[in-house]
């Protein structure tokens, strides 16, 4: 069977037997890959630490029938230690890799790989508030998967904005006629923040108030979990204050 090389982000691992692990990775060119890393739980393993969650590695794999086999792994981004040493970074990173893992194999693209690597790098360096990095990642990865929320025209009928009601189940902003009874309105500043998170406008994001970032985070979490049709368990552990943890 053939071997191949690729760059990959480690999403999760679990034990196999006494010394092996099954590693789930998001690779740049081959989408999601599940592979067996033999002997990595032994202290003598040469590349066990390179195959931990949040790490980015250049891996060589042997193509198996059901699971591939990791033959080599060279570190490209050692983000795990800097992320794991801060609770807020760790929980945000966990939600990011869990979301990447939930997306189907057919939706895994090089752009998704690069987006996840960029998010983990920013978390490890403390460039912005961890929850804001997570929120921006969630919006952008949903857009790459074809589920971009409508932040202008009505998501239901296409009526041009501005609109003031955001309904996750309907795909984003909706007009007054399509808004379900009792739907809460979204503040203009919160809507501006959502658009900035989608576009990566960090000067606007970093200047937002705690109330605005909290409101945006709640809408994003509801939107992502609705469209993935299952909860992101790691989101329950992310701090309520999205601005905590920034340098």
Foldseek 3Di string as FASTA:
>chain_A
DDKDKWKWAWLAWDDDPDAKIWTWTQTQAQGIATAIEPRLNDPPDPCNLQRHHLWIWIWMWADDDPHIYTDDIDGDGNLVVLQVVDQQSVLLLNLLSLLSVLDDRVLRHNVLRVLNNVLSVCSSVLVAQSLLSSLLNLQQSCVSSVQHADLAAALAPRHGDDAFFFDLLSRTGHHPVPDPPPGDGHDPLLSVLNVCSPVVVVVSVRPDDQVSSLVNSVSSLVNSCVVSVHHSVSVVSNDSRSRPPHD
